[in-house]
Amino acid sequence: MLLLTNIELPYRSKIMVRRGWIPREKKDQSTRLDGLTDEEVTIEGLLRSGEQKASSFVPENSPDKNEWYSLDLPAMAEQCGAQPVVVEMLLDTPQHLIKPELIDKDIPVGRSPVVELRNHHKEYIVTW
C-alpha cells in the first residue's frame, strides 16, 4: 500500500508527501510506531502534479474509505486540508542499500533519486 502523509510546513500550510510502500495490514498508524516522529524533518523529493488512472482495471477511488487508487489531488487535498500537490520522498541511499531493518519495522521506503528515461533509439536502428 502506498503511504501518503500530511506534512505541516513552517508557515502552517500542509502538503502531501508520498513516503513509499507499507504492507496493507499496517494502514493503521498505531501498527507502525517506528515510522512516526513529532520532530522536525527535512524531506528531499520530487514534486508531482498527479497522475492519470493507469487503466480501466484500476478501481475507482473511495474517498469515504480513504482509499485512493490514483492520485486525484484536488479531491485528496480537499479531504485532508492540504495543498493539491504531492512531494514524492526520495531515498537518501541507493535502492540496493536499503536497510532490511527499515522494512522489518514497516518504515516506508521512498524511491531512488535516479530518474531513468528509456531511450528507444537503439531499438529503432535495429528495427529499420
N, C-alpha and C. Protein backbone atom coordinates (compact mmCIF):
# COMPACT_ATOMS: atom_id res chain seq x y z
N MET A 1 0.84 -1.17 0.00
CA MET A 1 0.00 0.00 0.00
C MET A 1 0.90 1.24 0.00
N LEU A 2 0.55 2.18 -0.84
CA LEU A 2 1.32 3.43 -0.92
C LEU A 2 0.89 4.37 0.20
N LEU A 3 1.87 4.92 0.91
CA LEU A 3 1.58 5.77 2.06
C LEU A 3 1.78 7.24 1.72
N LEU A 4 0.72 8.03 1.86
CA LEU A 4 0.81 9.49 1.75
C LEU A 4 0.56 10.08 3.13
N THR A 5 1.39 11.05 3.50
CA THR A 5 1.32 11.66 4.82
C THR A 5 1.21 13.17 4.68
N ASN A 6 0.34 13.79 5.47
CA ASN A 6 0.28 15.25 5.52
C ASN A 6 1.46 15.75 6.33
N ILE A 7 2.17 16.71 5.78
CA ILE A 7 3.29 17.33 6.49
C ILE A 7 2.96 18.81 6.63
N GLU A 8 3.06 19.32 7.85
CA GLU A 8 2.82 20.74 8.07
C GLU A 8 4.11 21.51 7.87
N LEU A 9 4.06 22.50 6.99
CA LEU A 9 5.22 23.33 6.71
C LEU A 9 5.35 24.41 7.78
N PRO A 10 6.52 25.05 7.89
CA PRO A 10 6.73 26.06 8.94
C PRO A 10 5.70 27.19 8.93
N TYR A 11 5.15 27.54 7.78
CA TYR A 11 4.19 28.64 7.73
C TYR A 11 2.75 28.14 7.79
N ARG A 12 2.54 26.96 8.37
CA ARG A 12 1.23 26.38 8.68
C ARG A 12 0.46 25.81 7.49
N SER A 13 1.03 25.83 6.33
CA SER A 13 0.40 25.19 5.18
C SER A 13 0.75 23.70 5.22
N LYS A 14 -0.09 22.86 4.64
CA LYS A 14 0.18 21.42 4.62
C LYS A 14 0.38 20.96 3.18
N ILE A 15 1.26 19.97 3.02
CA ILE A 15 1.42 19.30 1.74
C ILE A 15 1.32 17.80 1.97
N MET A 16 1.06 17.06 0.90
CA MET A 16 1.03 15.61 0.99
C MET A 16 2.38 15.08 0.53
N VAL A 17 2.91 14.11 1.26
CA VAL A 17 4.19 13.51 0.92
C VAL A 17 3.97 12.02 0.66
N ARG A 18 4.39 11.59 -0.52
CA ARG A 18 4.32 10.18 -0.90
C ARG A 18 5.57 9.51 -0.33
N ARG A 19 5.41 8.82 0.80
CA ARG A 19 6.56 8.32 1.56
C ARG A 19 7.07 6.98 1.08
N GLY A 20 6.25 6.20 0.42
CA GLY A 20 6.69 4.89 -0.04
C GLY A 20 5.66 3.83 0.29
N TRP A 21 6.11 2.59 0.27
CA TRP A 21 5.20 1.45 0.41
C TRP A 21 5.27 0.84 1.80
N ILE A 22 4.10 0.40 2.27
CA ILE A 22 4.00 -0.35 3.52
C ILE A 22 3.03 -1.51 3.27
N PRO A 23 3.08 -2.56 4.09
CA PRO A 23 2.09 -3.64 3.95
C PRO A 23 0.68 -3.12 4.25
N ARG A 24 -0.31 -3.64 3.54
CA ARG A 24 -1.70 -3.20 3.71
C ARG A 24 -2.16 -3.35 5.16
N GLU A 25 -1.71 -4.39 5.84
CA GLU A 25 -2.15 -4.60 7.22
C GLU A 25 -1.56 -3.56 8.19
N LYS A 26 -0.67 -2.70 7.69
CA LYS A 26 -0.07 -1.65 8.52
C LYS A 26 -0.68 -0.28 8.24
N LYS A 27 -1.88 -0.25 7.65
CA LYS A 27 -2.53 1.02 7.32
C LYS A 27 -2.75 1.88 8.56
N ASP A 28 -3.15 1.27 9.66
CA ASP A 28 -3.38 1.99 10.91
C ASP A 28 -2.05 2.44 11.50
N GLN A 29 -1.92 3.75 11.77
CA GLN A 29 -0.66 4.30 12.30
C GLN A 29 -0.19 3.60 13.57
N SER A 30 -1.10 3.14 14.38
CA SER A 30 -0.70 2.52 15.65
C SER A 30 0.07 1.22 15.45
N THR A 31 0.05 0.67 14.24
CA THR A 31 0.78 -0.58 13.96
C THR A 31 2.18 -0.33 13.43
N ARG A 32 2.56 0.93 13.24
CA ARG A 32 3.90 1.24 12.69
C ARG A 32 4.50 2.46 13.39
N LEU A 33 4.60 2.37 14.68
CA LEU A 33 5.08 3.49 15.50
C LEU A 33 6.53 3.86 15.21
N ASP A 34 7.35 2.90 14.73
CA ASP A 34 8.75 3.21 14.43
C ASP A 34 8.89 4.21 13.29
N GLY A 35 7.87 4.34 12.45
CA GLY A 35 7.94 5.26 11.33
C GLY A 35 7.37 6.64 11.63
N LEU A 36 6.97 6.89 12.88
CA LEU A 36 6.35 8.16 13.25
C LEU A 36 7.31 9.01 14.07
N THR A 37 7.18 10.33 13.93
CA THR A 37 8.00 11.24 14.73
C THR A 37 7.24 12.54 14.96
N ASP A 38 7.54 13.19 16.07
CA ASP A 38 6.99 14.51 16.36
C ASP A 38 8.03 15.59 16.09
N GLU A 39 9.23 15.18 15.71
CA GLU A 39 10.32 16.12 15.49
C GLU A 39 10.25 16.72 14.09
N GLU A 40 10.93 17.83 13.91
CA GLU A 40 11.02 18.46 12.59
C GLU A 40 11.85 17.57 11.67
N VAL A 41 11.38 17.41 10.44
CA VAL A 41 12.09 16.57 9.47
C VAL A 41 12.38 17.37 8.21
N THR A 42 13.41 16.95 7.50
CA THR A 42 13.73 17.51 6.19
C THR A 42 13.43 16.44 5.16
N ILE A 43 12.69 16.81 4.13
CA ILE A 43 12.31 15.85 3.10
C ILE A 43 12.90 16.29 1.77
N GLU A 44 13.56 15.35 1.12
CA GLU A 44 14.05 15.59 -0.24
C GLU A 44 13.15 14.79 -1.16
N GLY A 45 12.62 15.45 -2.18
CA GLY A 45 11.69 14.74 -3.04
C GLY A 45 11.46 15.40 -4.37
N LEU A 46 10.60 14.77 -5.15
CA LEU A 46 10.20 15.26 -6.46
C LEU A 46 8.77 15.76 -6.36
N LEU A 47 8.50 16.92 -6.91
CA LEU A 47 7.16 17.49 -6.90
C LEU A 47 6.33 16.83 -8.00
N ARG A 48 5.18 16.29 -7.63
CA ARG A 48 4.29 15.62 -8.57
C ARG A 48 2.98 16.39 -8.66
N SER A 49 2.41 16.39 -9.85
CA SER A 49 1.16 17.13 -10.05
C SER A 49 -0.04 16.19 -10.18
N GLY A 50 0.13 14.92 -9.87
CA GLY A 50 -0.96 13.97 -10.00
C GLY A 50 -0.67 12.98 -11.09
N GLU A 51 -1.63 12.11 -11.36
CA GLU A 51 -1.43 11.11 -12.39
C GLU A 51 -2.77 10.69 -12.95
N GLN A 52 -2.75 10.24 -14.16
CA GLN A 52 -3.96 9.70 -14.78
C GLN A 52 -4.19 8.29 -14.25
N LYS A 53 -5.42 7.87 -14.25
CA LYS A 53 -5.73 6.50 -13.86
C LYS A 53 -5.01 5.57 -14.84
N ALA A 54 -4.27 4.60 -14.33
CA ALA A 54 -3.40 3.76 -15.15
C ALA A 54 -4.16 2.98 -16.22
N SER A 55 -5.30 2.41 -15.91
CA SER A 55 -6.08 1.65 -16.88
C SER A 55 -7.49 1.47 -16.35
N SER A 56 -8.32 0.87 -17.17
CA SER A 56 -9.70 0.63 -16.74
C SER A 56 -9.78 -0.46 -15.68
N PHE A 57 -8.68 -1.19 -15.47
CA PHE A 57 -8.66 -2.23 -14.45
C PHE A 57 -8.39 -1.67 -13.05
N VAL A 58 -7.94 -0.42 -12.98
CA VAL A 58 -7.69 0.21 -11.68
C VAL A 58 -9.03 0.60 -11.06
N PRO A 59 -9.28 0.20 -9.82
CA PRO A 59 -10.56 0.55 -9.18
C PRO A 59 -10.74 2.06 -9.05
N GLU A 60 -11.98 2.46 -8.88
CA GLU A 60 -12.29 3.87 -8.63
C GLU A 60 -11.86 4.22 -7.21
N ASN A 61 -11.46 5.46 -7.01
CA ASN A 61 -11.11 5.94 -5.68
C ASN A 61 -12.34 5.87 -4.77
N SER A 62 -12.11 5.61 -3.48
CA SER A 62 -13.18 5.60 -2.48
C SER A 62 -12.83 6.58 -1.37
N PRO A 63 -13.09 7.89 -1.61
CA PRO A 63 -12.73 8.90 -0.61
C PRO A 63 -13.35 8.65 0.76
N ASP A 64 -14.58 8.12 0.80
CA ASP A 64 -15.24 7.87 2.08
C ASP A 64 -14.51 6.82 2.92
N LYS A 65 -13.75 5.92 2.27
CA LYS A 65 -12.95 4.91 2.97
C LYS A 65 -11.48 5.32 3.05
N ASN A 66 -11.16 6.49 2.49
CA ASN A 66 -9.78 6.96 2.40
C ASN A 66 -8.91 5.97 1.63
N GLU A 67 -9.47 5.43 0.53
CA GLU A 67 -8.75 4.50 -0.34
C GLU A 67 -8.62 5.15 -1.71
N TRP A 68 -7.38 5.37 -2.11
CA TRP A 68 -7.07 6.07 -3.35
C TRP A 68 -6.24 5.16 -4.24
N TYR A 69 -6.72 4.91 -5.44
CA TYR A 69 -6.02 4.03 -6.38
C TYR A 69 -5.30 4.83 -7.46
N SER A 70 -5.63 6.09 -7.57
CA SER A 70 -4.91 7.03 -8.43
C SER A 70 -4.90 8.38 -7.71
N LEU A 71 -3.90 9.19 -8.02
CA LEU A 71 -3.76 10.47 -7.33
C LEU A 71 -4.73 11.50 -7.90
N ASP A 72 -5.83 11.71 -7.21
CA ASP A 72 -6.79 12.76 -7.55
C ASP A 72 -6.51 13.90 -6.58
N LEU A 73 -5.52 14.72 -6.92
CA LEU A 73 -5.01 15.71 -5.98
C LEU A 73 -6.05 16.70 -5.48
N PRO A 74 -6.92 17.25 -6.33
CA PRO A 74 -7.92 18.17 -5.79
C PRO A 74 -8.81 17.52 -4.73
N ALA A 75 -9.28 16.30 -4.99
CA ALA A 75 -10.15 15.62 -4.02
C ALA A 75 -9.38 15.24 -2.76
N MET A 76 -8.17 14.75 -2.92
CA MET A 76 -7.35 14.36 -1.77
C MET A 76 -7.02 15.57 -0.90
N ALA A 77 -6.65 16.67 -1.55
CA ALA A 77 -6.29 17.88 -0.82
C ALA A 77 -7.49 18.42 -0.05
N GLU A 78 -8.66 18.39 -0.68
CA GLU A 78 -9.86 18.87 0.00
C GLU A 78 -10.18 18.01 1.22
N GLN A 79 -10.02 16.70 1.09
CA GLN A 79 -10.35 15.80 2.19
C GLN A 79 -9.40 15.97 3.38
N CYS A 80 -8.12 16.22 3.11
CA CYS A 80 -7.16 16.27 4.23
C CYS A 80 -6.68 17.67 4.57
N GLY A 81 -7.18 18.69 3.87
CA GLY A 81 -6.81 20.06 4.20
C GLY A 81 -5.40 20.44 3.81
N ALA A 82 -4.92 19.88 2.70
CA ALA A 82 -3.55 20.17 2.24
C ALA A 82 -3.59 20.87 0.89
N GLN A 83 -2.43 21.32 0.45
CA GLN A 83 -2.29 21.90 -0.89
C GLN A 83 -2.43 20.77 -1.92
N PRO A 84 -2.93 21.04 -3.13
CA PRO A 84 -3.12 19.98 -4.12
C PRO A 84 -1.84 19.62 -4.89
N VAL A 85 -0.80 19.29 -4.14
CA VAL A 85 0.46 18.81 -4.73
C VAL A 85 0.96 17.64 -3.88
N VAL A 86 1.80 16.82 -4.49
CA VAL A 86 2.42 15.71 -3.77
C VAL A 86 3.92 15.79 -3.97
N VAL A 87 4.66 15.63 -2.89
CA VAL A 87 6.11 15.51 -2.97
C VAL A 87 6.43 14.03 -2.79
N GLU A 88 7.09 13.45 -3.79
CA GLU A 88 7.47 12.05 -3.71
C GLU A 88 8.82 11.96 -3.02
N MET A 89 8.83 11.42 -1.80
CA MET A 89 10.04 11.36 -0.99
C MET A 89 11.07 10.44 -1.64
N LEU A 90 12.32 10.91 -1.64
CA LEU A 90 13.42 10.14 -2.21
C LEU A 90 14.21 9.44 -1.11
N LEU A 91 14.83 8.34 -1.48
CA LEU A 91 15.74 7.64 -0.57
C LEU A 91 16.99 8.47 -0.38
N ASP A 92 17.60 8.36 0.79
CA ASP A 92 18.88 9.03 0.98
C ASP A 92 20.04 8.07 0.74
N THR A 93 19.72 6.83 0.34
CA THR A 93 20.74 5.85 -0.03
C THR A 93 20.30 5.17 -1.31
N PRO A 94 21.24 4.58 -2.06
CA PRO A 94 20.84 3.86 -3.27
C PRO A 94 19.87 2.72 -2.95
N GLN A 95 19.01 2.40 -3.91
CA GLN A 95 17.97 1.38 -3.73
C GLN A 95 18.55 0.05 -3.23
N HIS A 96 19.70 -0.34 -3.75
CA HIS A 96 20.26 -1.64 -3.38
C HIS A 96 20.87 -1.65 -1.97
N LEU A 97 20.94 -0.50 -1.31
CA LEU A 97 21.49 -0.43 0.04
C LEU A 97 20.43 -0.20 1.11
N ILE A 98 19.17 -0.46 0.78
CA ILE A 98 18.09 -0.26 1.75
C ILE A 98 18.33 -1.18 2.94
N LYS A 99 18.25 -0.62 4.11
CA LYS A 99 18.48 -1.40 5.32
C LYS A 99 17.28 -2.32 5.58
N PRO A 100 17.52 -3.63 5.71
CA PRO A 100 16.41 -4.56 5.96
C PRO A 100 15.61 -4.23 7.21
N GLU A 101 16.26 -3.61 8.21
CA GLU A 101 15.52 -3.30 9.44
C GLU A 101 14.42 -2.26 9.20
N LEU A 102 14.59 -1.40 8.18
CA LEU A 102 13.51 -0.46 7.85
C LEU A 102 12.28 -1.22 7.39
N ILE A 103 12.50 -2.18 6.53
CA ILE A 103 11.38 -2.98 6.02
C ILE A 103 10.78 -3.82 7.14
N ASP A 104 11.63 -4.41 7.98
CA ASP A 104 11.15 -5.22 9.11
C ASP A 104 10.29 -4.40 10.07
N LYS A 105 10.60 -3.12 10.23
CA LYS A 105 9.85 -2.25 11.15
C LYS A 105 8.70 -1.53 10.44
N ASP A 106 8.48 -1.88 9.15
CA ASP A 106 7.40 -1.29 8.36
C ASP A 106 7.54 0.22 8.21
N ILE A 107 8.78 0.69 8.14
CA ILE A 107 9.03 2.10 7.86
C ILE A 107 8.98 2.27 6.35
N PRO A 108 8.17 3.20 5.84
CA PRO A 108 8.05 3.36 4.39
C PRO A 108 9.40 3.64 3.74
N VAL A 109 9.59 3.06 2.57
CA VAL A 109 10.82 3.24 1.82
C VAL A 109 10.48 4.03 0.56
N GLY A 110 11.08 5.20 0.42
CA GLY A 110 10.84 6.05 -0.75
C GLY A 110 11.47 5.49 -2.01
N ARG A 111 11.47 6.28 -3.06
CA ARG A 111 12.03 5.83 -4.33
C ARG A 111 13.46 6.30 -4.49
N SER A 112 14.13 5.68 -5.43
CA SER A 112 15.51 6.04 -5.74
C SER A 112 15.54 7.43 -6.36
N PRO A 113 16.56 8.24 -6.06
CA PRO A 113 16.64 9.58 -6.64
C PRO A 113 17.06 9.59 -8.10
N VAL A 114 17.35 8.42 -8.67
CA VAL A 114 17.78 8.34 -10.06
C VAL A 114 16.55 8.35 -10.97
N VAL A 115 16.54 9.24 -11.94
CA VAL A 115 15.47 9.29 -12.93
C VAL A 115 16.00 8.64 -14.19
N GLU A 116 15.37 7.52 -14.60
CA GLU A 116 15.82 6.81 -15.77
C GLU A 116 14.82 7.02 -16.90
N LEU A 117 15.30 7.58 -17.99
CA LEU A 117 14.47 7.78 -19.17
C LEU A 117 14.85 6.71 -20.19
N ARG A 118 13.86 6.01 -20.68
CA ARG A 118 14.12 4.94 -21.63
C ARG A 118 14.48 5.55 -22.98
N ASN A 119 15.52 5.03 -23.60
CA ASN A 119 15.99 5.51 -24.89
C ASN A 119 15.66 4.46 -25.95
N HIS A 120 14.76 4.77 -26.86
CA HIS A 120 14.32 3.82 -27.89
C HIS A 120 15.17 3.88 -29.16
N HIS A 121 16.16 4.76 -29.22
CA HIS A 121 16.90 4.94 -30.46
C HIS A 121 17.56 3.66 -30.95
N LYS A 122 18.19 2.89 -30.08
CA LYS A 122 18.83 1.65 -30.50
C LYS A 122 17.82 0.66 -31.05
N GLU A 123 16.65 0.59 -30.42
CA GLU A 123 15.61 -0.31 -30.91
C GLU A 123 15.16 0.09 -32.31
N TYR A 124 15.02 1.38 -32.56
CA TYR A 124 14.61 1.85 -33.87
C TYR A 124 15.67 1.53 -34.92
N ILE A 125 16.93 1.69 -34.56
CA ILE A 125 18.01 1.40 -35.51
C ILE A 125 17.98 -0.07 -35.90
N VAL A 126 17.83 -0.96 -34.93
CA VAL A 126 17.81 -2.40 -35.21
C VAL A 126 16.57 -2.76 -36.01
N THR A 127 15.43 -2.15 -35.70
CA THR A 127 14.19 -2.45 -36.40
C THR A 127 14.25 -2.04 -37.87
N TRP A 128 14.82 -0.88 -38.15
CA TRP A 128 14.82 -0.37 -39.52
C TRP A 128 16.16 -0.58 -40.17
